[in-house]
């Protein structure tokens, strides 16, 4: 069997999930927005999830998972000394840049 080369172009929206079916219940999932606040509401993260009404399982696309990761990192860091916070934020930025480069590698 001979493989044939195929050229594809993907846009940024190709990685967004707008519709889904629950893999456990086989029912259509509904989009929900969860607001997570830090620093007495001074910073709010809006996280879009797809939720199954039957089993209550929730799923996020890659972009929303990165927002949630950032929320968790900031929440964890808010109680540490400022020099620790700066170091952790720098590490998160480096990690996100690596992810972005890795994702864009296949699109060029």
PDB file of N, CA and C in Angstrom:
ATOM      1  N   UNK A   1       0.840  -1.180   0.000  1.00  0.00           N
ATOM      2  CA  UNK A   1       0.000   0.000   0.000  1.00  0.00           C
ATOM      3  C   UNK A   1       0.886   1.243   0.000  1.00  0.00           C
ATOM      4  N   UNK A   2       0.631   2.121  -0.940  1.00  0.00           N
ATOM      5  CA  UNK A   2       1.422   3.330  -1.084  1.00  0.00           C
ATOM      6  C   UNK A   2       0.685   4.500  -0.427  1.00  0.00           C
ATOM      7  N   UNK A   3       1.401   5.261   0.394  1.00  0.00           N
ATOM      8  CA  UNK A   3       0.795   6.411   1.061  1.00  0.00           C
ATOM      9  C   UNK A   3       0.912   7.637   0.178  1.00  0.00           C
ATOM     10  N   UNK A   4      -0.113   8.450   0.222  1.00  0.00           N
ATOM     11  CA  UNK A   4      -0.102   9.661  -0.595  1.00  0.00           C
ATOM     12  C   UNK A   4       0.013  10.876   0.310  1.00  0.00           C
ATOM     13  N   UNK A   5       0.788  11.849  -0.108  1.00  0.00           N
ATOM     14  CA  UNK A   5       1.004  13.062   0.664  1.00  0.00           C
ATOM     15  C   UNK A   5      -0.192  13.993   0.488  1.00  0.00           C
ATOM     16  N   UNK A   6      -0.661  14.536   1.607  1.00  0.00           N
ATOM     17  CA  UNK A   6      -1.813  15.435   1.595  1.00  0.00           C
ATOM     18  C   UNK A   6      -1.409  16.738   2.270  1.00  0.00           C
ATOM     19  N   UNK A   7      -1.768  17.851   1.661  1.00  0.00           N
ATOM     20  CA  UNK A   7      -1.475  19.154   2.247  1.00  0.00           C
ATOM     21  C   UNK A   7      -2.747  19.705   2.873  1.00  0.00           C
ATOM     22  N   UNK A   8      -2.619  20.166   4.121  1.00  0.00           N
ATOM     23  CA  UNK A   8      -3.773  20.706   4.837  1.00  0.00           C
ATOM     24  C   UNK A   8      -3.411  22.047   5.452  1.00  0.00           C
ATOM     25  N   UNK A   9      -4.383  22.939   5.497  1.00  0.00           N
ATOM     26  CA  UNK A   9      -4.212  24.213   6.185  1.00  0.00           C
ATOM     27  C   UNK A   9      -5.265  24.293   7.272  1.00  0.00           C
ATOM     28  N   UNK A  10      -4.808  24.550   8.492  1.00  0.00           N
ATOM     29  CA  UNK A  10      -5.714  24.651   9.625  1.00  0.00           C
ATOM     30  C   UNK A  10      -5.705  26.074  10.155  1.00  0.00           C
ATOM     31  N   UNK A  11      -6.869  26.551  10.514  1.00  0.00           N
ATOM     32  CA  UNK A  11      -6.968  27.862  11.136  1.00  0.00           C
ATOM     33  C   UNK A  11      -6.989  27.692  12.648  1.00  0.00           C
ATOM     34  N   UNK A  12      -6.850  28.786  13.357  1.00  0.00           N
ATOM     35  CA  UNK A  12      -6.867  28.763  14.817  1.00  0.00           C
ATOM     36  C   UNK A  12      -8.177  28.182  15.348  1.00  0.00           C
ATOM     37  N   UNK A  13      -9.278  28.434  14.652  1.00  0.00           N
ATOM     38  CA  UNK A  13     -10.578  27.951  15.105  1.00  0.00           C
ATOM     39  C   UNK A  13     -10.721  26.433  14.992  1.00  0.00           C
ATOM     40  N   UNK A  14      -9.804  25.772  14.302  1.00  0.00           N
ATOM     41  CA  UNK A  14      -9.878  24.317  14.162  1.00  0.00           C
ATOM     42  C   UNK A  14      -9.697  23.608  15.501  1.00  0.00           C
ATOM     43  N   UNK A  15      -9.093  24.277  16.472  1.00  0.00           N
ATOM     44  CA  UNK A  15      -8.841  23.664  17.768  1.00  0.00           C
ATOM     45  C   UNK A  15      -9.883  24.042  18.819  1.00  0.00           C
ATOM     46  N   UNK A  16     -10.868  24.813  18.438  1.00  0.00           N
ATOM     47  CA  UNK A  16     -11.944  25.188  19.364  1.00  0.00           C
ATOM     48  C   UNK A  16     -13.066  24.168  19.264  1.00  0.00           C
ATOM     49  N   UNK A  17     -13.670  23.881  20.399  1.00  0.00           N
ATOM     50  CA  UNK A  17     -14.775  22.929  20.438  1.00  0.00           C
ATOM     51  C   UNK A  17     -16.038  23.702  20.784  1.00  0.00           C
ATOM     52  N   UNK A  18     -17.002  23.709  19.863  1.00  0.00           N
ATOM     53  CA  UNK A  18     -18.263  24.409  20.100  1.00  0.00           C
ATOM     54  C   UNK A  18     -19.409  23.449  20.385  1.00  0.00           C
ATOM     55  N   UNK A  19     -19.302  22.239  19.862  1.00  0.00           N
ATOM     56  CA  UNK A  19     -20.351  21.241  20.055  1.00  0.00           C
ATOM     57  C   UNK A  19     -19.696  19.916  20.411  1.00  0.00           C
ATOM     58  N   UNK A  20     -20.400  19.137  21.248  1.00  0.00           N
ATOM     59  CA  UNK A  20     -19.860  17.832  21.613  1.00  0.00           C
ATOM     60  C   UNK A  20     -20.978  16.926  22.104  1.00  0.00           C
ATOM     61  N   UNK A  21     -20.681  15.649  22.076  1.00  0.00           N
ATOM     62  CA  UNK A  21     -21.581  14.628  22.598  1.00  0.00           C
ATOM     63  C   UNK A  21     -20.828  13.934  23.728  1.00  0.00           C
ATOM     64  N   UNK A  22     -21.506  13.743  24.849  1.00  0.00           N
ATOM     65  CA  UNK A  22     -20.869  13.103  26.007  1.00  0.00           C
ATOM     66  C   UNK A  22     -20.457  11.680  25.632  1.00  0.00           C
ATOM     67  N   UNK A  23     -19.180  11.330  25.837  1.00  0.00           N
ATOM     68  CA  UNK A  23     -18.725   9.985  25.488  1.00  0.00           C
ATOM     69  C   UNK A  23     -19.291   8.900  26.407  1.00  0.00           C
ATOM     70  N   UNK A  24     -19.835   9.299  27.553  1.00  0.00           N
ATOM     71  CA  UNK A  24     -20.380   8.323  28.506  1.00  0.00           C
ATOM     72  C   UNK A  24     -21.883   8.127  28.338  1.00  0.00           C
ATOM     73  N   UNK A  25     -22.612   9.212  28.042  1.00  0.00           N
ATOM     74  CA  UNK A  25     -24.074   9.158  27.964  1.00  0.00           C
ATOM     75  C   UNK A  25     -24.616   9.253  26.541  1.00  0.00           C
ATOM     76  N   UNK A  26     -23.755   9.662  25.617  1.00  0.00           N
ATOM     77  CA  UNK A  26     -24.128   9.843  24.217  1.00  0.00           C
ATOM     78  C   UNK A  26     -25.207  10.922  24.042  1.00  0.00           C
ATOM     79  N   UNK A  27     -25.208  11.920  24.916  1.00  0.00           N
ATOM     80  CA  UNK A  27     -26.137  13.040  24.834  1.00  0.00           C
ATOM     81  C   UNK A  27     -25.391  14.315  24.468  1.00  0.00           C
ATOM     82  N   UNK A  28     -26.101  15.234  23.822  1.00  0.00           N
ATOM     83  CA  UNK A  28     -25.507  16.513  23.449  1.00  0.00           C
ATOM     84  C   UNK A  28     -25.119  17.282  24.716  1.00  0.00           C
ATOM     85  N   UNK A  29     -23.927  17.855  24.705  1.00  0.00           N
ATOM     86  CA  UNK A  29     -23.441  18.626  25.846  1.00  0.00           C
ATOM     87  C   UNK A  29     -23.771  20.096  25.632  1.00  0.00           C
ATOM     88  N   UNK A  30     -23.942  20.815  26.738  1.00  0.00           N
ATOM     89  CA  UNK A  30     -24.317  22.227  26.691  1.00  0.00           C
ATOM     90  C   UNK A  30     -23.167  23.089  27.174  1.00  0.00           C
ATOM     91  N   UNK A  31     -23.008  24.228  26.519  1.00  0.00           N
ATOM     92  CA  UNK A  31     -21.938  25.161  26.863  1.00  0.00           C
ATOM     93  C   UNK A  31     -22.322  25.923  28.129  1.00  0.00           C
ATOM     94  N   UNK A  32     -21.391  25.987  29.082  1.00  0.00           N
ATOM     95  CA  UNK A  32     -21.585  26.759  30.309  1.00  0.00           C
ATOM     96  C   UNK A  32     -20.360  27.649  30.516  1.00  0.00           C
ATOM     97  N   UNK A  33     -20.569  28.744  31.208  1.00  0.00           N
ATOM     98  CA  UNK A  33     -19.466  29.654  31.535  1.00  0.00           C
ATOM     99  C   UNK A  33     -19.318  29.685  33.043  1.00  0.00           C
ATOM    100  N   UNK A  34     -18.127  29.410  33.494  1.00  0.00           N
ATOM    101  CA  UNK A  34     -17.829  29.444  34.923  1.00  0.00           C
ATOM    102  C   UNK A  34     -16.899  30.616  35.181  1.00  0.00           C
ATOM    103  N   UNK A  35     -17.279  31.484  36.084  1.00  0.00           N
ATOM    104  CA  UNK A  35     -16.472  32.650  36.445  1.00  0.00           C
ATOM    105  C   UNK A  35     -15.714  32.343  37.727  1.00  0.00           C
ATOM    106  N   UNK A  36     -14.407  32.450  37.663  1.00  0.00           N
ATOM    107  CA  UNK A  36     -13.552  32.217  38.825  1.00  0.00           C
ATOM    108  C   UNK A  36     -12.847  33.531  39.150  1.00  0.00           C
ATOM    109  N   UNK A  37     -13.044  34.023  40.367  1.00  0.00           N
ATOM    110  CA  UNK A  37     -12.468  35.310  40.768  1.00  0.00           C
ATOM    111  C   UNK A  37     -11.355  35.126  41.784  1.00  0.00           C
ATOM    112  N   UNK A  38     -10.388  36.026  41.706  1.00  0.00           N
ATOM    113  CA  UNK A  38      -9.282  36.085  42.657  1.00  0.00           C
ATOM    114  C   UNK A  38      -9.111  37.523  43.124  1.00  0.00           C
ATOM    115  N   UNK A  39      -8.446  37.692  44.231  1.00  0.00           N
ATOM    116  CA  UNK A  39      -8.138  39.009  44.782  1.00  0.00           C
ATOM    117  C   UNK A  39      -9.411  39.841  44.967  1.00  0.00           C
ATOM    118  N   UNK A  40     -10.390  39.223  45.630  1.00  0.00           N
ATOM    119  CA  UNK A  40     -11.667  39.880  45.957  1.00  0.00           C
ATOM    120  C   UNK A  40     -12.367  40.433  44.719  1.00  0.00           C
ATOM    121  N   UNK A  41     -12.316  39.680  43.635  1.00  0.00           N
ATOM    122  CA  UNK A  41     -13.003  40.063  42.404  1.00  0.00           C
ATOM    123  C   UNK A  41     -12.220  40.971  41.482  1.00  0.00           C
ATOM    124  N   UNK A  42     -10.998  41.324  41.847  1.00  0.00           N
ATOM    125  CA  UNK A  42     -10.187  42.207  40.993  1.00  0.00           C
ATOM    126  C   UNK A  42      -9.743  41.508  39.709  1.00  0.00           C
ATOM    127  N   UNK A  43      -9.649  40.192  39.765  1.00  0.00           N
ATOM    128  CA  UNK A  43      -9.236  39.409  38.599  1.00  0.00           C
ATOM    129  C   UNK A  43     -10.222  38.263  38.428  1.00  0.00           C
ATOM    130  N   UNK A  44     -10.868  38.197  37.260  1.00  0.00           N
ATOM    131  CA  UNK A  44     -11.857  37.155  37.002  1.00  0.00           C
ATOM    132  C   UNK A  44     -11.488  36.391  35.737  1.00  0.00           C
ATOM    133  N   UNK A  45     -11.547  35.087  35.833  1.00  0.00           N
ATOM    134  CA  UNK A  45     -11.310  34.205  34.695  1.00  0.00           C
ATOM    135  C   UNK A  45     -12.660  33.662  34.246  1.00  0.00           C
ATOM    136  N   UNK A  46     -12.972  33.795  32.966  1.00  0.00           N
ATOM    137  CA  UNK A  46     -14.209  33.263  32.397  1.00  0.00           C
ATOM    138  C   UNK A  46     -13.831  31.981  31.661  1.00  0.00           C
ATOM    139  N   UNK A  47     -14.271  30.850  32.192  1.00  0.00           N
ATOM    140  CA  UNK A  47     -13.893  29.556  31.640  1.00  0.00           C
ATOM    141  C   UNK A  47     -15.120  28.915  30.997  1.00  0.00           C
ATOM    142  N   UNK A  48     -15.017  28.631  29.703  1.00  0.00           N
ATOM    143  CA  UNK A  48     -16.117  28.040  28.950  1.00  0.00           C
ATOM    144  C   UNK A  48     -15.938  26.528  28.939  1.00  0.00           C
ATOM    145  N   UNK A  49     -16.980  25.835  29.381  1.00  0.00           N
ATOM    146  CA  UNK A  49     -16.937  24.375  29.456  1.00  0.00           C
ATOM    147  C   UNK A  49     -18.129  23.796  28.712  1.00  0.00           C
ATOM    148  N   UNK A  50     -18.005  22.540  28.324  1.00  0.00           N
ATOM    149  CA  UNK A  50     -19.134  21.782  27.801  1.00  0.00           C
ATOM    150  C   UNK A  50     -19.528  20.792  28.884  1.00  0.00           C
ATOM    151  N   UNK A  51     -20.817  20.785  29.238  1.00  0.00           N
ATOM    152  CA  UNK A  51     -21.280  19.971  30.366  1.00  0.00           C
ATOM    153  C   UNK A  51     -22.407  19.044  29.940  1.00  0.00           C
ATOM    154  N   UNK A  52     -22.333  17.812  30.424  1.00  0.00           N
ATOM    155  CA  UNK A  52     -23.398  16.835  30.186  1.00  0.00           C
ATOM    156  C   UNK A  52     -24.454  17.018  31.275  1.00  0.00           C
ATOM    157  N   UNK A  53     -25.703  17.181  30.870  1.00  0.00           N
ATOM    158  CA  UNK A  53     -26.785  17.395  31.837  1.00  0.00           C
ATOM    159  C   UNK A  53     -27.081  16.124  32.638  1.00  0.00           C
ATOM    160  N   UNK A  54     -26.826  14.966  32.048  1.00  0.00           N
ATOM    161  CA  UNK A  54     -27.149  13.709  32.719  1.00  0.00           C
ATOM    162  C   UNK A  54     -26.104  13.311  33.760  1.00  0.00           C
ATOM    163  N   UNK A  55     -24.833  13.223  33.349  1.00  0.00           N
ATOM    164  CA  UNK A  55     -23.790  12.733  34.263  1.00  0.00           C
ATOM    165  C   UNK A  55     -22.974  13.855  34.899  1.00  0.00           C
ATOM    166  N   UNK A  56     -23.186  15.098  34.476  1.00  0.00           N
ATOM    167  CA  UNK A  56     -22.513  16.289  35.014  1.00  0.00           C
ATOM    168  C   UNK A  56     -21.017  16.355  34.710  1.00  0.00           C
ATOM    169  N   UNK A  57     -20.533  15.530  33.809  1.00  0.00           N
ATOM    170  CA  UNK A  57     -19.119  15.623  33.422  1.00  0.00           C
ATOM    171  C   UNK A  57     -18.911  16.896  32.614  1.00  0.00           C
ATOM    172  N   UNK A  58     -17.736  17.501  32.790  1.00  0.00           N
ATOM    173  CA  UNK A  58     -17.412  18.743  32.097  1.00  0.00           C
ATOM    174  C   UNK A  58     -16.120  18.565  31.296  1.00  0.00           C
ATOM    175  N   UNK A  59     -16.082  19.222  30.134  1.00  0.00           N
ATOM    176  CA  UNK A  59     -14.922  19.150  29.260  1.00  0.00           C
ATOM    177  C   UNK A  59     -14.587  20.557  28.766  1.00  0.00           C
ATOM    178  N   UNK A  60     -13.297  20.778  28.469  1.00  0.00           N
ATOM    179  CA  UNK A  60     -12.833  22.057  27.923  1.00  0.00           C
ATOM    180  C   UNK A  60     -11.999  21.787  26.681  1.00  0.00           C
ATOM    181  N   UNK A  61     -11.965  22.765  25.786  1.00  0.00           N
ATOM    182  CA  UNK A  61     -11.037  22.649  24.664  1.00  0.00           C
ATOM    183  C   UNK A  61      -9.659  23.107  25.150  1.00  0.00           C
ATOM    184  N   UNK A  62      -8.674  23.004  24.292  1.00  0.00           N
ATOM    185  CA  UNK A  62      -7.294  23.315  24.680  1.00  0.00           C
ATOM    186  C   UNK A  62      -7.129  24.753  25.152  1.00  0.00           C
ATOM    187  N   UNK A  63      -7.753  25.686  24.462  1.00  0.00           N
ATOM    188  CA  UNK A  63      -7.638  27.099  24.825  1.00  0.00           C
ATOM    189  C   UNK A  63      -8.202  27.356  26.223  1.00  0.00           C
ATOM    190  N   UNK A  64      -9.359  26.792  26.519  1.00  0.00           N
ATOM    191  CA  UNK A  64      -9.970  26.985  27.828  1.00  0.00           C
ATOM    192  C   UNK A  64      -9.187  26.258  28.925  1.00  0.00           C
ATOM    193  N   UNK A  65      -8.603  25.121  28.585  1.00  0.00           N
ATOM    194  CA  UNK A  65      -7.773  24.402  29.555  1.00  0.00           C
ATOM    195  C   UNK A  65      -6.554  25.233  29.940  1.00  0.00           C
ATOM    196  N   UNK A  66      -5.992  25.977  28.981  1.00  0.00           N
ATOM    197  CA  UNK A  66      -4.857  26.848  29.284  1.00  0.00           C
ATOM    198  C   UNK A  66      -5.280  27.997  30.193  1.00  0.00           C
ATOM    199  N   UNK A  67      -6.483  28.541  29.974  1.00  0.00           N
ATOM    200  CA  UNK A  67      -7.005  29.600  30.856  1.00  0.00           C
ATOM    201  C   UNK A  67      -7.171  29.040  32.265  1.00  0.00           C
ATOM    202  N   UNK A  68      -7.715  27.844  32.375  1.00  0.00           N
ATOM    203  CA  UNK A  68      -7.916  27.219  33.690  1.00  0.00           C
ATOM    204  C   UNK A  68      -6.573  26.930  34.364  1.00  0.00           C
ATOM    205  N   UNK A  69      -5.579  26.476  33.602  1.00  0.00           N
ATOM    206  CA  UNK A  69      -4.233  26.263  34.157  1.00  0.00           C
ATOM    207  C   UNK A  69      -3.666  27.555  34.735  1.00  0.00           C
ATOM    208  N   UNK A  70      -3.846  28.651  34.005  1.00  0.00           N
ATOM    209  CA  UNK A  70      -3.358  29.944  34.479  1.00  0.00           C
ATOM    210  C   UNK A  70      -4.089  30.351  35.760  1.00  0.00           C
ATOM    211  N   UNK A  71      -5.412  30.154  35.800  1.00  0.00           N
ATOM    212  CA  UNK A  71      -6.177  30.449  37.018  1.00  0.00           C
ATOM    213  C   UNK A  71      -5.626  29.665  38.208  1.00  0.00           C
ATOM    214  N   UNK A  72      -5.398  28.366  38.019  1.00  0.00           N
ATOM    215  CA  UNK A  72      -4.882  27.528  39.115  1.00  0.00           C
ATOM    216  C   UNK A  72      -3.505  27.995  39.570  1.00  0.00           C
ATOM    217  N   UNK A  73      -2.654  28.374  38.616  1.00  0.00           N
ATOM    218  CA  UNK A  73      -1.308  28.837  38.964  1.00  0.00           C
ATOM    219  C   UNK A  73      -1.365  30.140  39.759  1.00  0.00           C
ATOM    220  N   UNK A  74      -2.203  31.075  39.333  1.00  0.00           N
ATOM    221  CA  UNK A  74      -2.305  32.360  40.036  1.00  0.00           C
ATOM    222  C   UNK A  74      -2.919  32.150  41.416  1.00  0.00           C
ATOM    223  N   UNK A  75      -3.930  31.303  41.502  1.00  0.00           N
ATOM    224  CA  UNK A  75      -4.562  31.024  42.801  1.00  0.00           C
ATOM    225  C   UNK A  75      -3.556  30.415  43.776  1.00  0.00           C
ATOM    226  N   UNK A  76      -2.743  29.509  43.283  1.00  0.00           N
ATOM    227  CA  UNK A  76      -1.736  28.869  44.133  1.00  0.00           C
ATOM    228  C   UNK A  76      -0.664  29.860  44.568  1.00  0.00           C
ATOM    229  N   UNK A  77      -0.328  30.791  43.689  1.00  0.00           N
ATOM    230  CA  UNK A  77       0.756  31.722  43.962  1.00  0.00           C
ATOM    231  C   UNK A  77       0.368  32.931  44.806  1.00  0.00           C
ATOM    232  N   UNK A  78      -0.915  33.218  44.894  1.00  0.00           N
ATOM    233  CA  UNK A  78      -1.314  34.467  45.559  1.00  0.00           C
ATOM    234  C   UNK A  78      -0.945  34.523  47.039  1.00  0.00           C
ATOM    235  N   UNK A  79      -0.619  33.381  47.631  1.00  0.00           N
ATOM    236  CA  UNK A  79      -0.264  33.372  49.046  1.00  0.00           C
ATOM    237  C   UNK A  79       1.237  33.254  49.290  1.00  0.00           C
ATOM    238  N   UNK A  80       2.027  33.279  48.220  1.00  0.00           N
ATOM    239  CA  UNK A  80       3.480  33.155  48.367  1.00  0.00           C
ATOM    240  C   UNK A  80       4.134  34.527  48.315  1.00  0.00           C
ATOM    241  N   UNK A  81       5.371  34.631  48.794  1.00  0.00           N
ATOM    242  CA  UNK A  81       6.099  35.897  48.697  1.00  0.00           C
ATOM    243  C   UNK A  81       6.236  36.341  47.240  1.00  0.00           C
ATOM    244  N   UNK A  82       6.349  37.632  47.022  1.00  0.00           N
ATOM    245  CA  UNK A  82       6.326  38.213  45.678  1.00  0.00           C
ATOM    246  C   UNK A  82       7.429  37.674  44.772  1.00  0.00           C
ATOM    247  N   UNK A  83       8.618  37.393  45.284  1.00  0.00           N
ATOM    248  CA  UNK A  83       9.686  36.878  44.424  1.00  0.00           C
ATOM    249  C   UNK A  83       9.362  35.482  43.930  1.00  0.00           C
ATOM    250  N   UNK A  84       8.687  34.680  44.732  1.00  0.00           N
ATOM    251  CA  UNK A  84       8.248  33.360  44.280  1.00  0.00           C
ATOM    252  C   UNK A  84       7.179  33.501  43.193  1.00  0.00           C
ATOM    253  N   UNK A  85       6.283  34.459  43.382  1.00  0.00           N
ATOM    254  CA  UNK A  85       5.208  34.689  42.411  1.00  0.00           C
ATOM    255  C   UNK A  85       5.795  35.077  41.059  1.00  0.00           C
ATOM    256  N   UNK A  86       6.750  35.992  41.046  1.00  0.00           N
ATOM    257  CA  UNK A  86       7.362  36.436  39.792  1.00  0.00           C
ATOM    258  C   UNK A  86       8.040  35.266  39.079  1.00  0.00           C
ATOM    259  N   UNK A  87       8.722  34.434  39.829  1.00  0.00           N
ATOM    260  CA  UNK A  87       9.400  33.281  39.225  1.00  0.00           C
ATOM    261  C   UNK A  87       8.396  32.301  38.619  1.00  0.00           C
ATOM    262  N   UNK A  88       7.322  32.025  39.324  1.00  0.00           N
ATOM    263  CA  UNK A  88       6.313  31.086  38.828  1.00  0.00           C
ATOM    264  C   UNK A  88       5.591  31.628  37.602  1.00  0.00           C
ATOM    265  N   UNK A  89       5.302  32.918  37.589  1.00  0.00           N
ATOM    266  CA  UNK A  89       4.645  33.524  36.423  1.00  0.00           C
ATOM    267  C   UNK A  89       5.577  33.432  35.216  1.00  0.00           C
ATOM    268  N   UNK A  90       6.860  33.680  35.416  1.00  0.00           N
ATOM    269  CA  UNK A  90       7.833  33.551  34.324  1.00  0.00           C
ATOM    270  C   UNK A  90       7.861  32.130  33.780  1.00  0.00           C
ATOM    271  N   UNK A  91       7.821  31.152  34.660  1.00  0.00           N
ATOM    272  CA  UNK A  91       7.812  29.755  34.237  1.00  0.00           C
ATOM    273  C   UNK A  91       6.552  29.444  33.442  1.00  0.00           C
ATOM    274  N   UNK A  92       5.395  29.972  33.872  1.00  0.00           N
ATOM    275  CA  UNK A  92       4.131  29.737  33.177  1.00  0.00           C
ATOM    276  C   UNK A  92       4.160  30.357  31.778  1.00  0.00           C
ATOM    277  N   UNK A  93       4.730  31.550  31.667  1.00  0.00           N
ATOM    278  CA  UNK A  93       4.833  32.215  30.356  1.00  0.00           C
ATOM    279  C   UNK A  93       5.729  31.404  29.429  1.00  0.00           C
ATOM    280  N   UNK A  94       6.847  30.911  29.937  1.00  0.00           N
ATOM    281  CA  UNK A  94       7.754  30.089  29.125  1.00  0.00           C
ATOM    282  C   UNK A  94       7.048  28.816  28.680  1.00  0.00           C
ATOM    283  N   UNK A  95       6.306  28.176  29.588  1.00  0.00           N
ATOM    284  CA  UNK A  95       5.580  26.955  29.252  1.00  0.00           C
ATOM    285  C   UNK A  95       4.522  27.218  28.184  1.00  0.00           C
ATOM    286  N   UNK A  96       3.776  28.313  28.314  1.00  0.00           N
ATOM    287  CA  UNK A  96       2.757  28.649  27.317  1.00  0.00           C
ATOM    288  C   UNK A  96       3.385  28.947  25.964  1.00  0.00           C
ATOM    289  N   UNK A  97       4.543  29.627  25.947  1.00  0.00           N
ATOM    290  CA  UNK A  97       5.234  29.899  24.687  1.00  0.00           C
ATOM    291  C   UNK A  97       5.687  28.603  24.016  1.00  0.00           C
ATOM    292  N   UNK A  98       6.177  27.664  24.815  1.00  0.00           N
ATOM    293  CA  UNK A  98       6.590  26.371  24.253  1.00  0.00           C
ATOM    294  C   UNK A  98       5.394  25.641  23.664  1.00  0.00           C
ATOM    295  N   UNK A  99       4.261  25.670  24.362  1.00  0.00           N
ATOM    296  CA  UNK A  99       3.047  25.017  23.854  1.00  0.00           C
ATOM    297  C   UNK A  99       2.610  25.653  22.547  1.00  0.00           C
ATOM    298  N   UNK A 100       2.642  26.985  22.496  1.00  0.00           N
ATOM    299  CA  UNK A 100       2.232  27.690  21.279  1.00  0.00           C
ATOM    300  C   UNK A 100       3.129  27.324  20.108  1.00  0.00           C
ATOM    301  N   UNK A 101       4.436  27.284  20.347  1.00  0.00           N
ATOM    302  CA  UNK A 101       5.360  26.926  19.279  1.00  0.00           C
ATOM    303  C   UNK A 101       5.144  25.487  18.835  1.00  0.00           C
ATOM    304  N   UNK A 102       4.868  24.610  19.801  1.00  0.00           N
ATOM    305  CA  UNK A 102       4.648  23.199  19.479  1.00  0.00           C
ATOM    306  C   UNK A 102       3.369  23.031  18.653  1.00  0.00           C
ATOM    307  N   UNK A 103       2.318  23.772  18.987  1.00  0.00           N
ATOM    308  CA  UNK A 103       1.049  23.679  18.257  1.00  0.00           C
ATOM    309  C   UNK A 103       1.185  24.261  16.861  1.00  0.00           C
ATOM    310  N   UNK A 104       1.931  25.353  16.731  1.00  0.00           N
ATOM    311  CA  UNK A 104       2.052  25.994  15.423  1.00  0.00           C
ATOM    312  C   UNK A 104       3.050  25.258  14.526  1.00  0.00           C
ATOM    313  N   UNK A 105       3.848  24.359  15.084  1.00  0.00           N
ATOM    314  CA  UNK A 105       4.839  23.645  14.302  1.00  0.00           C
ATOM    315  C   UNK A 105       4.210  22.881  13.148  1.00  0.00           C
ATOM    316  N   UNK A 106       3.091  22.223  13.372  1.00  0.00           N
ATOM    317  CA  UNK A 106       2.455  21.431  12.340  1.00  0.00           C
ATOM    318  C   UNK A 106       1.698  22.250  11.322  1.00  0.00           C
ATOM    319  N   UNK A 107       1.475  23.538  11.575  1.00  0.00           N
ATOM    320  CA  UNK A 107       0.679  24.371  10.681  1.00  0.00           C
ATOM    321  C   UNK A 107       1.509  25.119   9.665  1.00  0.00           C
ATOM    322  N   UNK A 108       2.789  25.156   9.807  1.00  0.00           N
ATOM    323  CA  UNK A 108       3.628  25.930   8.891  1.00  0.00           C
ATOM    324  C   UNK A 108       4.054  25.101   7.703  1.00  0.00           C
TER     325      UNK A 108
END
